[in-house]
PDB file of N, CA and C in Angstrom:
ATOM      1  N   MET A   1     -14.197 -16.539  17.701  1.00  0.00           N
ATOM      2  CA  MET A   1     -13.901 -16.128  16.455  1.00  0.00           C
ATOM      3  C   MET A   1     -15.171 -15.044  16.020  1.00  0.00           C
ATOM      4  N   ALA A   2     -14.673 -13.780  15.643  1.00  0.00           N
ATOM      5  CA  ALA A   2     -15.157 -12.912  15.127  1.00  0.00           C
ATOM      6  C   ALA A   2     -16.217 -12.989  13.650  1.00  0.00           C
ATOM      7  N   TRP A   3     -17.257 -12.207  13.672  1.00  0.00           N
ATOM      8  CA  TRP A   3     -18.210 -12.572  13.142  1.00  0.00           C
ATOM      9  C   TRP A   3     -18.171 -11.220  12.546  1.00  0.00           C
ATOM     10  N   ILE A   4     -17.992 -11.133  10.820  1.00  0.00           N
ATOM     11  CA  ILE A   4     -18.628 -10.047  10.402  1.00  0.00           C
ATOM     12  C   ILE A   4     -19.381 -10.233   9.294  1.00  0.00           C
ATOM     13  N   ARG A   5     -20.673  -9.373   8.675  1.00  0.00           N
ATOM     14  CA  ARG A   5     -20.989  -9.708   7.746  1.00  0.00           C
ATOM     15  C   ARG A   5     -20.847  -9.563   6.340  1.00  0.00           C
ATOM     16  N   ASP A   6     -20.450 -10.549   5.342  1.00  0.00           N
ATOM     17  CA  ASP A   6     -20.413 -10.746   3.811  1.00  0.00           C
ATOM     18  C   ASP A   6     -21.338  -9.529   2.968  1.00  0.00           C
ATOM     19  N   HIS A   7     -20.601  -9.005   2.498  1.00  0.00           N
ATOM     20  CA  HIS A   7     -21.332  -8.109   1.201  1.00  0.00           C
ATOM     21  C   HIS A   7     -21.159  -8.444   0.078  1.00  0.00           C
ATOM     22  N   SER A   8     -20.849  -9.651  -0.318  1.00  0.00           N
ATOM     23  CA  SER A   8     -20.485 -10.192  -1.512  1.00  0.00           C
ATOM     24  C   SER A   8     -21.771 -10.349  -2.512  1.00  0.00           C
ATOM     25  N   ASP A   9     -22.807 -10.389  -1.872  1.00  0.00           N
ATOM     26  CA  ASP A   9     -24.438 -10.332  -2.669  1.00  0.00           C
ATOM     27  C   ASP A   9     -24.224  -8.616  -3.151  1.00  0.00           C
ATOM     28  N   ASP A  10     -23.269  -7.508  -2.876  1.00  0.00           N
ATOM     29  CA  ASP A  10     -23.524  -6.396  -3.177  1.00  0.00           C
ATOM     30  C   ASP A  10     -23.236  -6.409  -4.636  1.00  0.00           C
ATOM     31  N   PRO A  11     -23.949  -5.718  -5.376  1.00  0.00           N
ATOM     32  CA  PRO A  11     -23.085  -6.112  -7.073  1.00  0.00           C
ATOM     33  C   PRO A  11     -21.696  -5.472  -6.981  1.00  0.00           C
ATOM     34  N   GLU A  12     -21.684  -4.029  -6.680  1.00  0.00           N
ATOM     35  CA  GLU A  12     -20.304  -3.270  -6.493  1.00  0.00           C
ATOM     36  C   GLU A  12     -19.279  -4.278  -5.507  1.00  0.00           C
ATOM     37  N   CYS A  13     -19.651  -4.857  -4.534  1.00  0.00           N
ATOM     38  CA  CYS A  13     -18.743  -5.868  -3.959  1.00  0.00           C
ATOM     39  C   CYS A  13     -18.255  -6.935  -4.843  1.00  0.00           C
ATOM     40  N   ALA A  14     -19.133  -8.008  -5.017  1.00  0.00           N
ATOM     41  CA  ALA A  14     -19.037  -8.764  -5.459  1.00  0.00           C
ATOM     42  C   ALA A  14     -18.013  -8.876  -6.658  1.00  0.00           C
ATOM     43  N   GLU A  15     -18.006  -7.638  -7.431  1.00  0.00           N
ATOM     44  CA  GLU A  15     -17.190  -7.394  -8.797  1.00  0.00           C
ATOM     45  C   GLU A  15     -16.100  -7.162  -8.232  1.00  0.00           C
ATOM     46  N   LEU A  16     -16.085  -6.062  -7.228  1.00  0.00           N
ATOM     47  CA  LEU A  16     -14.554  -6.097  -6.531  1.00  0.00           C
ATOM     48  C   LEU A  16     -13.515  -7.458  -6.571  1.00  0.00           C
ATOM     49  N   LEU A  17     -14.573  -8.144  -5.356  1.00  0.00           N
ATOM     50  CA  LEU A  17     -14.206  -9.606  -5.081  1.00  0.00           C
ATOM     51  C   LEU A  17     -13.606 -10.522  -6.019  1.00  0.00           C
ATOM     52  N   ARG A  18     -14.504 -10.416  -7.085  1.00  0.00           N
ATOM     53  CA  ARG A  18     -14.008 -11.594  -8.056  1.00  0.00           C
ATOM     54  C   ARG A  18     -12.989 -11.253  -8.424  1.00  0.00           C
ATOM     55  N   ALA A  19     -12.844  -9.782  -8.893  1.00  0.00           N
ATOM     56  CA  ALA A  19     -11.408  -9.206  -9.964  1.00  0.00           C
ATOM     57  C   ALA A  19      -9.985  -9.882  -8.873  1.00  0.00           C
ATOM     58  N   HIS A  20     -10.389  -9.927  -7.815  1.00  0.00           N
ATOM     59  CA  HIS A  20      -8.999  -9.858  -6.715  1.00  0.00           C
ATOM     60  C   HIS A  20      -9.071 -11.588  -6.114  1.00  0.00           C
ATOM     61  N   ALA A  21      -9.601 -12.112  -6.421  1.00  0.00           N
ATOM     62  CA  ALA A  21      -9.654 -13.829  -6.141  1.00  0.00           C
ATOM     63  C   ALA A  21      -9.119 -14.718  -6.640  1.00  0.00           C
ATOM     64  N   ASP A  22      -8.472 -15.503  -6.001  1.00  0.00           N
ATOM     65  CA  ASP A  22      -7.123 -16.391  -6.506  1.00  0.00           C
ATOM     66  C   ASP A  22      -7.428 -17.111  -7.750  1.00  0.00           C
ATOM     67  N   PRO A  23      -6.751 -17.062  -8.782  1.00  0.00           N
ATOM     68  CA  PRO A  23      -7.041 -17.439 -10.096  1.00  0.00           C
ATOM     69  C   PRO A  23      -7.040 -18.870 -10.343  1.00  0.00           C
ATOM     70  N   ALA A  24      -6.694 -19.882  -9.233  1.00  0.00           N
ATOM     71  CA  ALA A  24      -6.153 -20.708  -9.206  1.00  0.00           C
ATOM     72  C   ALA A  24      -7.739 -21.346  -8.237  1.00  0.00           C
ATOM     73  N   THR A  25      -8.161 -20.697  -7.295  1.00  0.00           N
ATOM     74  CA  THR A  25      -9.105 -21.704  -6.412  1.00  0.00           C
ATOM     75  C   THR A  25     -10.604 -20.978  -6.474  1.00  0.00           C
ATOM     76  N   GLY A  26     -10.319 -19.412  -6.856  1.00  0.00           N
ATOM     77  CA  GLY A  26     -11.220 -18.602  -6.687  1.00  0.00           C
ATOM     78  C   GLY A  26     -11.745 -18.080  -5.446  1.00  0.00           C
ATOM     79  N   ALA A  27     -11.233 -18.301  -4.341  1.00  0.00           N
ATOM     80  CA  ALA A  27     -11.108 -17.969  -3.325  1.00  0.00           C
ATOM     81  C   ALA A  27     -10.774 -16.703  -2.764  1.00  0.00           C
ATOM     82  N   VAL A  28     -11.351 -15.765  -2.058  1.00  0.00           N
ATOM     83  CA  VAL A  28     -10.955 -14.695  -1.499  1.00  0.00           C
ATOM     84  C   VAL A  28     -10.536 -14.229  -0.331  1.00  0.00           C
ATOM     85  N   ASP A  29      -9.471 -13.848   0.077  1.00  0.00           N
ATOM     86  CA  ASP A  29      -8.771 -13.609   1.485  1.00  0.00           C
ATOM     87  C   ASP A  29      -9.632 -12.922   2.213  1.00  0.00           C
ATOM     88  N   ASN A  30      -9.737 -13.182   3.073  1.00  0.00           N
ATOM     89  CA  ASN A  30     -10.855 -12.818   4.349  1.00  0.00           C
ATOM     90  C   ASN A  30     -10.552 -11.003   4.605  1.00  0.00           C
ATOM     91  N   ILE A  31      -9.639 -10.555   4.429  1.00  0.00           N
ATOM     92  CA  ILE A  31      -8.970  -9.266   4.747  1.00  0.00           C
ATOM     93  C   ILE A  31      -9.776  -8.557   3.672  1.00  0.00           C
ATOM     94  N   LEU A  32      -9.481  -8.911   2.677  1.00  0.00           N
ATOM     95  CA  LEU A  32     -10.179  -8.178   1.414  1.00  0.00           C
ATOM     96  C   LEU A  32     -11.927  -8.278   1.458  1.00  0.00           C
ATOM     97  N   ARG A  33     -12.866  -9.918   1.884  1.00  0.00           N
ATOM     98  CA  ARG A  33     -13.639  -9.668   2.019  1.00  0.00           C
ATOM     99  C   ARG A  33     -14.582  -8.493   3.822  1.00  0.00           C
ATOM    100  N   VAL A  34     -13.671  -8.311   3.943  1.00  0.00           N
ATOM    101  CA  VAL A  34     -13.951  -7.376   5.518  1.00  0.00           C
ATOM    102  C   VAL A  34     -14.145  -6.011   4.827  1.00  0.00           C
ATOM    103  N   HIS A  35     -13.010  -5.590   4.193  1.00  0.00           N
ATOM    104  CA  HIS A  35     -12.644  -4.295   3.522  1.00  0.00           C
ATOM    105  C   HIS A  35     -13.800  -4.033   2.546  1.00  0.00           C
ATOM    106  N   ALA A  36     -14.355  -5.145   2.136  1.00  0.00           N
ATOM    107  CA  ALA A  36     -15.658  -4.724   0.842  1.00  0.00           C
ATOM    108  C   ALA A  36     -16.616  -4.377   1.784  1.00  0.00           C
ATOM    109  N   LEU A  37     -16.766  -4.583   2.978  1.00  0.00           N
ATOM    110  CA  LEU A  37     -17.962  -3.429   3.306  1.00  0.00           C
ATOM    111  C   LEU A  37     -17.902  -2.628   3.541  1.00  0.00           C
ATOM    112  N   HIS A  38     -17.120  -1.933   2.613  1.00  0.00           N
ATOM    113  CA  HIS A  38     -17.124  -0.336   2.328  1.00  0.00           C
ATOM    114  C   HIS A  38     -15.809  -0.220   0.901  1.00  0.00           C
ATOM    115  N   PRO A  39     -16.420  -0.287  -0.071  1.00  0.00           N
ATOM    116  CA  PRO A  39     -15.750  -0.684  -1.523  1.00  0.00           C
ATOM    117  C   PRO A  39     -14.831   0.284  -1.806  1.00  0.00           C
ATOM    118  N   ALA A  40     -14.959   1.619  -1.391  1.00  0.00           N
ATOM    119  CA  ALA A  40     -14.348   2.695  -1.226  1.00  0.00           C
ATOM    120  C   ALA A  40     -12.525   2.229  -0.461  1.00  0.00           C
ATOM    121  N   GLY A  41     -13.157   1.573   0.276  1.00  0.00           N
ATOM    122  CA  GLY A  41     -12.151   1.411   1.742  1.00  0.00           C
ATOM    123  C   GLY A  41     -11.343   0.397   1.129  1.00  0.00           C
ATOM    124  N   LEU A  42     -11.692  -0.447   0.573  1.00  0.00           N
ATOM    125  CA  LEU A  42     -11.234  -2.152  -0.190  1.00  0.00           C
ATOM    126  C   LEU A  42     -10.222  -1.472  -1.348  1.00  0.00           C
ATOM    127  N   ARG A  43     -10.850  -0.358  -2.265  1.00  0.00           N
ATOM    128  CA  ARG A  43      -9.929  -0.077  -3.214  1.00  0.00           C
ATOM    129  C   ARG A  43      -8.385   0.602  -2.521  1.00  0.00           C
ATOM    130  N   ALA A  44      -9.375   1.653  -1.907  1.00  0.00           N
ATOM    131  CA  ALA A  44      -7.827   2.035  -1.001  1.00  0.00           C
ATOM    132  C   ALA A  44      -7.037   1.048  -0.266  1.00  0.00           C
ATOM    133  N   HIS A  45      -7.301   0.154   0.584  1.00  0.00           N
ATOM    134  CA  HIS A  45      -6.043  -1.105   0.823  1.00  0.00           C
ATOM    135  C   HIS A  45      -5.469  -1.858  -0.528  1.00  0.00           C
ATOM    136  N   LEU A  46      -6.109  -2.010  -1.575  1.00  0.00           N
ATOM    137  CA  LEU A  46      -5.841  -2.518  -2.832  1.00  0.00           C
ATOM    138  C   LEU A  46      -4.606  -1.544  -2.922  1.00  0.00           C
ATOM    139  N   ALA A  47      -4.811  -0.328  -3.467  1.00  0.00           N
ATOM    140  CA  ALA A  47      -3.595   0.813  -3.816  1.00  0.00           C
ATOM    141  C   ALA A  47      -2.412   0.869  -2.907  1.00  0.00           C
ATOM    142  N   VAL A  48      -3.073   0.513  -1.531  1.00  0.00           N
ATOM    143  CA  VAL A  48      -2.048   0.676  -0.047  1.00  0.00           C
ATOM    144  C   VAL A  48      -0.802  -0.913  -0.467  1.00  0.00           C
ATOM    145  N   TYR A  49      -1.659  -1.962  -0.612  1.00  0.00           N
ATOM    146  CA  TYR A  49      -0.957  -2.877  -0.743  1.00  0.00           C
ATOM    147  C   TYR A  49      -0.041  -3.116  -2.364  1.00  0.00           C
ATOM    148  N   ARG A  50      -0.616  -2.663  -3.422  1.00  0.00           N
ATOM    149  CA  ARG A  50       0.055  -2.097  -4.864  1.00  0.00           C
ATOM    150  C   ARG A  50       1.313  -1.519  -4.548  1.00  0.00           C
ATOM    151  N   ALA A  51       1.250  -0.339  -3.759  1.00  0.00           N
ATOM    152  CA  ALA A  51       2.185   0.315  -3.889  1.00  0.00           C
ATOM    153  C   ALA A  51       3.267   0.338  -2.782  1.00  0.00           C
ATOM    154  N   ALA A  52       2.926  -1.015  -1.678  1.00  0.00           N
ATOM    155  CA  ALA A  52       3.659  -1.624  -0.864  1.00  0.00           C
ATOM    156  C   ALA A  52       4.714  -2.290  -1.567  1.00  0.00           C
ATOM    157  N   MET A  53       4.032  -3.136  -2.121  1.00  0.00           N
ATOM    158  CA  MET A  53       4.694  -4.317  -3.275  1.00  0.00           C
ATOM    159  C   MET A  53       5.286  -3.961  -4.409  1.00  0.00           C
ATOM    160  N   THR A  54       5.402  -2.773  -5.004  1.00  0.00           N
ATOM    161  CA  THR A  54       6.011  -2.282  -6.148  1.00  0.00           C
ATOM    162  C   THR A  54       6.668  -1.170  -6.067  1.00  0.00           C
ATOM    163  N   GLY A  55       6.170   0.022  -4.833  1.00  0.00           N
ATOM    164  CA  GLY A  55       6.927   1.175  -5.214  1.00  0.00           C
ATOM    165  C   GLY A  55       8.339   1.448  -4.941  1.00  0.00           C
ATOM    166  N   THR A  56       8.927   0.748  -4.234  1.00  0.00           N
ATOM    167  CA  THR A  56      10.629   0.992  -4.561  1.00  0.00           C
ATOM    168  C   THR A  56      11.496  -0.222  -5.173  1.00  0.00           C
ATOM    169  N   GLY A  57      12.549   0.057  -5.370  1.00  0.00           N
ATOM    170  CA  GLY A  57      13.331  -0.811  -6.147  1.00  0.00           C
ATOM    171  C   GLY A  57      14.371  -1.414  -4.737  1.00  0.00           C
ATOM    172  N   GLY A  58      15.041  -2.246  -5.346  1.00  0.00           N
ATOM    173  CA  GLY A  58      15.661  -3.062  -4.461  1.00  0.00           C
ATOM    174  C   GLY A  58      15.358  -4.222  -4.036  1.00  0.00           C
ATOM    175  N   LEU A  59      14.042  -4.608  -3.963  1.00  0.00           N
ATOM    176  CA  LEU A  59      13.282  -6.351  -3.284  1.00  0.00           C
ATOM    177  C   LEU A  59      12.321  -6.650  -4.812  1.00  0.00           C
ATOM    178  N   ARG A  60      12.515  -7.695  -4.871  1.00  0.00           N
ATOM    179  CA  ARG A  60      11.750  -8.242  -5.701  1.00  0.00           C
ATOM    180  C   ARG A  60      10.203  -8.435  -5.095  1.00  0.00           C
ATOM    181  N   ARG A  61       9.100  -8.827  -5.644  1.00  0.00           N
ATOM    182  CA  ARG A  61       7.783  -8.850  -5.350  1.00  0.00           C
ATOM    183  C   ARG A  61       8.100  -9.848  -4.231  1.00  0.00           C
ATOM    184  N   ALA A  62       8.483 -10.966  -4.737  1.00  0.00           N
ATOM    185  CA  ALA A  62       8.727 -12.227  -3.614  1.00  0.00           C
ATOM    186  C   ALA A  62       9.271 -11.923  -2.498  1.00  0.00           C
ATOM    187  N   GLU A  63      10.326 -11.264  -2.415  1.00  0.00           N
ATOM    188  CA  GLU A  63      11.212 -11.145  -1.327  1.00  0.00           C
ATOM    189  C   GLU A  63       9.861 -10.170  -0.438  1.00  0.00           C
ATOM    190  N   ARG A  64       9.336  -9.479  -1.062  1.00  0.00           N
ATOM    191  CA  ARG A  64       8.541  -8.282  -0.263  1.00  0.00           C
ATOM    192  C   ARG A  64       7.333  -9.356   0.267  1.00  0.00           C
ATOM    193  N   GLU A  65       6.810 -10.281  -0.391  1.00  0.00           N
ATOM    194  CA  GLU A  65       5.666 -11.313   0.172  1.00  0.00           C
ATOM    195  C   GLU A  65       6.197 -11.845   1.790  1.00  0.00           C
ATOM    196  N   MET A  66       7.798 -12.660   1.415  1.00  0.00           N
ATOM    197  CA  MET A  66       8.446 -13.079   2.504  1.00  0.00           C
ATOM    198  C   MET A  66       7.893 -12.403   3.510  1.00  0.00           C
ATOM    199  N   ILE A  67       8.881 -11.131   3.473  1.00  0.00           N
ATOM    200  CA  ILE A  67       9.229 -10.481   4.718  1.00  0.00           C
ATOM    201  C   ILE A  67       7.563  -9.819   5.302  1.00  0.00           C
ATOM    202  N   ALA A  68       6.523 -10.047   4.450  1.00  0.00           N
ATOM    203  CA  ALA A  68       5.182  -9.467   5.029  1.00  0.00           C
ATOM    204  C   ALA A  68       4.809 -10.594   5.430  1.00  0.00           C
ATOM    205  N   VAL A  69       4.787 -11.754   5.495  1.00  0.00           N
ATOM    206  CA  VAL A  69       4.782 -13.223   5.979  1.00  0.00           C
ATOM    207  C   VAL A  69       5.353 -13.438   7.298  1.00  0.00           C
ATOM    208  N   VAL A  70       6.327 -13.358   7.228  1.00  0.00           N
ATOM    209  CA  VAL A  70       7.415 -13.197   8.404  1.00  0.00           C
ATOM    210  C   VAL A  70       6.913 -11.901   9.638  1.00  0.00           C
ATOM    211  N   VAL A  71       6.434 -10.600   9.101  1.00  0.00           N
ATOM    212  CA  VAL A  71       6.180  -9.583  10.007  1.00  0.00           C
ATOM    213  C   VAL A  71       4.566 -10.282  10.453  1.00  0.00           C
ATOM    214  N   SER A  72       4.021 -10.837  10.045  1.00  0.00           N
ATOM    215  CA  SER A  72       2.236 -11.024  10.162  1.00  0.00           C
ATOM    216  C   SER A  72       2.562 -11.732  11.144  1.00  0.00           C
ATOM    217  N   GLY A  73       3.113 -12.968  11.252  1.00  0.00           N
ATOM    218  CA  GLY A  73       3.493 -13.897  11.728  1.00  0.00           C
ATOM    219  C   GLY A  73       4.322 -13.456  13.513  1.00  0.00           C
ATOM    220  N   LEU A  74       4.921 -12.818  13.020  1.00  0.00           N
ATOM    221  CA  LEU A  74       5.625 -11.578  14.805  1.00  0.00           C
ATOM    222  C   LEU A  74       4.481 -11.230  14.926  1.00  0.00           C
ATOM    223  N   ASN A  75       3.650 -10.758  14.637  1.00  0.00           N
ATOM    224  CA  ASN A  75       2.551  -9.355  15.060  1.00  0.00           C
ATOM    225  C   ASN A  75       1.162 -10.706  15.294  1.00  0.00           C
ATOM    226  N   GLY A  76       1.451 -12.237  15.254  1.00  0.00           N
ATOM    227  CA  GLY A  76       0.145 -13.029  15.680  1.00  0.00           C
ATOM    228  C   GLY A  76      -1.297 -12.511  15.101  1.00  0.00           C
ATOM    229  N   CYS A  77      -0.902 -12.257  13.254  1.00  0.00           N
ATOM    230  CA  CYS A  77      -1.917 -12.082  12.539  1.00  0.00           C
ATOM    231  C   CYS A  77      -2.215 -13.489  12.212  1.00  0.00           C
ATOM    232  N   ARG A  78      -3.539 -13.787  11.919  1.00  0.00           N
ATOM    233  CA  ARG A  78      -4.020 -14.947  11.311  1.00  0.00           C
ATOM    234  C   ARG A  78      -4.550 -14.952   9.669  1.00  0.00           C
ATOM    235  N   TYR A  79      -3.905 -13.812   9.330  1.00  0.00           N
ATOM    236  CA  TYR A  79      -4.347 -13.810   8.165  1.00  0.00           C
ATOM    237  C   TYR A  79      -3.288 -13.625   6.895  1.00  0.00           C
TER     238      TYR A  79
END
């Protein structure tokens, strides 16, 4: 398993991660922790995610999330 240093102790990174934690558990997705190594990269990742999930009509967000899960599984992603 790969190891990547966590930058959650950096105030800017910590604030971004807190803002995107699961409201029920406080957990933060690992992919967001990796992007937090570069706060501008995390903001860009979140902007792309928001655009993909809300950018066009025709599919509800839940349907988009289901498609993302299936595609991630087919691609062998573990996150």
